[in-house]
Amino acid sequence: MKVLNLQCTHRHVFEGWFGSEDDFQDQLGRQLVECPMCGDTAIAKLPSAPRLNLGAQPQPTSSAPATARQDVAAAPEAALQQAWLKMVQHVMASTEDVGERFAEEARRIHYGESEDRGIRGQASREETEALLEEGIAVLPLPIPKALKGPVQ
């Protein structure tokens, strides 16, 4: 099993697991590898160091707490991506998907014609702007494909 560090053209960094380098190249060529953040299929492999499991873990020599060392080593982009994905997962778990009826249902809720609840769905730019002009609070939130269905 090969674990590769990957990056899309929007600079989102993620990990991919493949049976071999040939499997990775085959899937990449057929555009089956996509960014879990934005769905981009223009993916590049980043340099990575091999990880060797030699048994015992070396003890840290620094006097700084382990959590502080991890925070310094963690890339800010990765932390931001993780926080964004967690927020999107929360929105998906706590809202009802009304699909293409989003603008209509948002109006019905706003004007008291439907029960007050959190909803999500699709709306065009024009529909979104019209909702905002009517004083209806909406927030465009792109949802990665990986969160829309079962993850393989």
Protein backbone atom coordinates (compact mmCIF):
# COMPACT_ATOMS: atom_id res chain seq x y z
CA MET A 1 0.00 0.00 0.00
CA LYS A 2 1.37 3.40 -0.98
CA VAL A 3 0.35 6.49 0.94
CA LEU A 4 0.92 9.63 -1.12
CA ASN A 5 0.76 13.29 -0.21
CA LEU A 6 -1.31 15.00 -2.90
CA GLN A 7 -2.28 18.57 -3.76
CA CYS A 8 -4.88 20.06 -6.11
CA THR A 9 -4.46 23.22 -8.17
CA HIS A 10 -6.20 25.18 -5.38
CA ARG A 11 -3.38 24.13 -3.01
CA HIS A 12 -5.56 21.84 -0.87
CA VAL A 13 -3.30 19.12 0.55
CA PHE A 14 -4.61 15.63 1.24
CA GLU A 15 -3.52 12.01 1.50
CA GLY A 16 -4.24 9.23 -0.98
CA TRP A 17 -3.85 5.47 -0.50
CA PHE A 18 -3.09 3.30 -3.51
CA GLY A 19 -2.09 -0.32 -4.11
CA SER A 20 0.94 0.78 -6.12
CA GLU A 21 2.43 3.65 -8.09
CA ASP A 22 0.83 2.14 -11.22
CA ASP A 23 -2.59 2.19 -9.50
CA PHE A 24 -2.11 5.86 -8.64
CA GLN A 25 -1.05 6.77 -12.19
CA ASP A 26 -3.96 4.78 -13.68
CA GLN A 27 -6.55 6.44 -11.42
CA LEU A 28 -4.98 9.86 -11.97
CA GLY A 29 -5.09 9.38 -15.75
CA ARG A 30 -8.78 8.45 -15.62
CA GLN A 31 -9.49 11.47 -13.36
CA LEU A 32 -10.67 9.25 -10.51
CA VAL A 33 -8.44 11.00 -7.97
CA GLU A 34 -10.06 14.21 -6.78
CA CYS A 35 -9.58 16.74 -4.02
CA PRO A 36 -11.91 16.04 -1.09
CA MET A 37 -12.22 19.79 -0.48
CA CYS A 38 -13.18 21.10 -3.93
CA GLY A 39 -13.51 18.11 -6.26
CA ASP A 40 -10.61 19.26 -8.48
CA THR A 41 -9.13 16.38 -10.52
CA ALA A 42 -5.90 18.20 -11.46
CA ILE A 43 -3.81 16.53 -8.78
CA ALA A 44 -0.04 16.62 -8.20
CA LYS A 45 2.00 14.30 -6.04
CA LEU A 46 4.03 16.08 -3.35
CA PRO A 47 7.42 14.91 -2.12
CA SER A 48 7.21 12.76 0.98
CA ALA A 49 9.66 10.98 3.22
CA PRO A 50 9.22 7.25 3.78
CA ARG A 51 8.08 6.20 7.21
CA LEU A 52 9.92 3.27 8.69
CA ASN A 53 8.41 1.43 11.62
CA LEU A 54 11.41 0.12 13.52
CA GLY A 55 9.56 -0.78 16.69
CA ALA A 56 10.04 1.47 19.70
CA GLN A 57 9.24 5.13 19.40
CA PRO A 58 12.13 7.49 20.24
CA GLN A 59 11.56 9.64 23.29
CA PRO A 60 11.33 13.40 22.65
CA THR A 61 14.45 15.26 23.71
CA SER A 62 12.86 18.70 23.83
CA SER A 63 11.56 20.13 27.08
CA ALA A 64 8.53 21.56 25.26
CA PRO A 65 5.30 19.62 25.73
CA ALA A 66 4.44 17.19 22.91
CA THR A 67 1.27 19.11 22.02
CA ALA A 68 3.24 22.31 21.50
CA ARG A 69 5.65 20.56 19.13
CA GLN A 70 2.73 19.12 17.15
CA ASP A 71 1.07 22.53 16.88
CA VAL A 72 4.25 24.08 15.51
CA ALA A 73 4.72 21.24 13.03
CA ALA A 74 1.12 21.25 11.79
CA ALA A 75 0.56 23.29 8.65
CA PRO A 76 -1.96 26.12 9.11
CA GLU A 77 -3.61 25.15 5.82
CA ALA A 78 -4.23 21.60 7.03
CA ALA A 79 -5.76 22.87 10.28
CA LEU A 80 -7.98 25.27 8.34
CA GLN A 81 -9.08 22.50 5.95
CA GLN A 82 -9.87 20.21 8.86
CA ALA A 83 -11.91 22.91 10.64
CA TRP A 84 -13.81 23.72 7.43
CA LEU A 85 -14.63 20.05 6.76
CA LYS A 86 -15.81 19.62 10.36
CA MET A 87 -18.07 22.68 9.99
CA VAL A 88 -19.51 21.37 6.70
CA GLN A 89 -20.17 17.97 8.29
CA HIS A 90 -22.00 19.71 11.16
CA VAL A 91 -24.14 21.71 8.72
CA MET A 92 -25.02 18.57 6.78
CA ALA A 93 -25.90 16.64 9.93
CA SER A 94 -28.09 19.39 11.38
CA THR A 95 -30.00 20.61 8.29
CA GLU A 96 -32.58 19.21 5.91
CA ASP A 97 -31.63 18.90 2.23
CA VAL A 98 -34.43 20.47 0.18
CA GLY A 99 -32.47 20.28 -3.08
CA GLU A 100 -33.48 22.62 -5.87
CA ARG A 101 -36.48 23.88 -3.85
CA PHE A 102 -34.07 25.82 -1.58
CA ALA A 103 -35.12 29.37 -2.54
CA GLU A 104 -38.82 28.52 -2.38
CA GLU A 105 -38.51 26.75 0.99
CA ALA A 106 -36.33 29.53 2.46
CA ARG A 107 -39.06 32.05 1.59
CA ARG A 108 -41.78 29.82 3.07
CA ILE A 109 -39.83 29.55 6.33
CA HIS A 110 -39.04 33.28 6.38
CA TYR A 111 -42.69 34.27 5.91
CA GLY A 112 -43.99 31.71 8.44
CA GLU A 113 -45.65 29.44 5.86
CA SER A 114 -43.46 26.48 6.81
CA GLU A 115 -41.92 25.31 10.08
CA ASP A 116 -38.73 27.07 11.16
CA ARG A 117 -35.76 24.74 10.62
CA GLY A 118 -32.31 24.65 9.12
CA ILE A 119 -32.26 23.77 5.44
CA ARG A 120 -29.70 23.37 2.68
CA GLY A 121 -29.98 22.94 -1.06
CA GLN A 122 -29.09 24.44 -4.41
CA ALA A 123 -29.82 27.98 -5.54
CA SER A 124 -28.56 30.00 -8.47
CA ARG A 125 -26.61 33.19 -7.93
CA GLU A 126 -29.70 35.19 -8.93
CA GLU A 127 -31.91 33.29 -6.46
CA THR A 128 -29.34 33.82 -3.69
CA GLU A 129 -29.13 37.54 -4.38
CA ALA A 130 -32.94 37.84 -4.43
CA LEU A 131 -33.18 36.04 -1.06
CA LEU A 132 -30.61 38.39 0.45
CA GLU A 133 -32.46 41.45 -0.93
CA GLU A 134 -35.64 40.17 0.76
CA GLY A 135 -33.77 40.02 4.07
CA ILE A 136 -33.54 36.23 4.13
CA ALA A 137 -30.20 35.14 5.59
CA VAL A 138 -28.48 32.60 3.35
CA LEU A 139 -24.88 31.50 3.08
CA PRO A 140 -23.41 29.85 0.00
CA LEU A 141 -21.47 26.81 1.20
CA PRO A 142 -19.71 24.57 -1.29
CA ILE A 143 -19.94 20.94 -0.17
CA PRO A 144 -17.19 18.58 -1.31
CA LYS A 145 -18.38 15.58 -3.34
CA ALA A 146 -16.85 13.25 -0.78
CA LEU A 147 -19.32 14.50 1.86
CA LYS A 148 -22.37 14.22 -0.39
CA GLY A 149 -22.28 10.43 -0.56
CA PRO A 150 -20.59 7.44 0.97
CA VAL A 151 -16.82 7.68 1.21
CA GLN A 152 -14.95 4.77 -0.39
